[in-house]
């Protein structure tokens, strides 16, 4: 089972994975910035 998972992950296009990861990080940063703004307004 773990071997199957490993080979599936290894077969993923690394470039696409890195780009997806960067987009996820940017989205998280935007959400954090937005929630910080909201908290500032509520104070």
Protein backbone atom coordinates (compact mmCIF):
# COMPACT_ATOMS: atom_id res chain seq x y z
CA UNK A 1 0.00 0.00 0.00
CA UNK A 2 2.72 2.46 0.97
CA UNK A 3 4.78 1.39 -2.05
CA UNK A 4 1.79 2.10 -4.30
CA UNK A 5 1.37 5.56 -2.76
CA UNK A 6 5.07 6.28 -3.16
CA UNK A 7 5.13 5.35 -6.85
CA UNK A 8 2.00 7.43 -7.48
CA UNK A 9 3.57 10.46 -5.83
CA UNK A 10 6.84 9.90 -7.70
CA UNK A 11 4.97 9.81 -11.01
CA UNK A 12 3.39 13.21 -10.43
CA UNK A 13 4.90 15.97 -12.55
CA UNK A 14 7.23 17.68 -10.09
CA UNK A 15 6.92 21.09 -11.74
CA UNK A 16 3.13 21.05 -11.54
CA UNK A 17 3.33 19.96 -7.91
CA UNK A 18 5.68 22.82 -7.02
CA UNK A 19 3.46 25.35 -8.78
CA UNK A 20 0.39 23.98 -6.98
CA UNK A 21 2.24 24.19 -3.65
CA UNK A 22 3.23 27.83 -4.30
CA UNK A 23 -0.37 28.71 -5.14
CA UNK A 24 -1.53 27.07 -1.91
CA UNK A 25 1.01 29.07 0.11
CA UNK A 26 -0.12 32.32 -1.53
CA UNK A 27 -3.75 31.51 -0.76
CA UNK A 28 -2.90 30.79 2.87
CA UNK A 29 -0.98 34.06 3.15
CA UNK A 30 -3.95 35.96 1.71
CA UNK A 31 -6.32 34.32 4.19
CA UNK A 32 -4.01 35.11 7.12
CA UNK A 33 -3.66 38.74 6.00
CA UNK A 34 -7.43 39.02 5.61
CA UNK A 35 -8.14 37.52 9.05
CA UNK A 36 -5.57 39.87 10.62
CA UNK A 37 -7.37 42.82 8.99
CA UNK A 38 -10.71 41.61 10.34
CA UNK A 39 -9.30 41.21 13.84
CA UNK A 40 -7.84 44.74 13.74
CA UNK A 41 -11.22 46.17 12.76
CA UNK A 42 -12.98 44.29 15.55
CA UNK A 43 -10.69 45.69 18.24
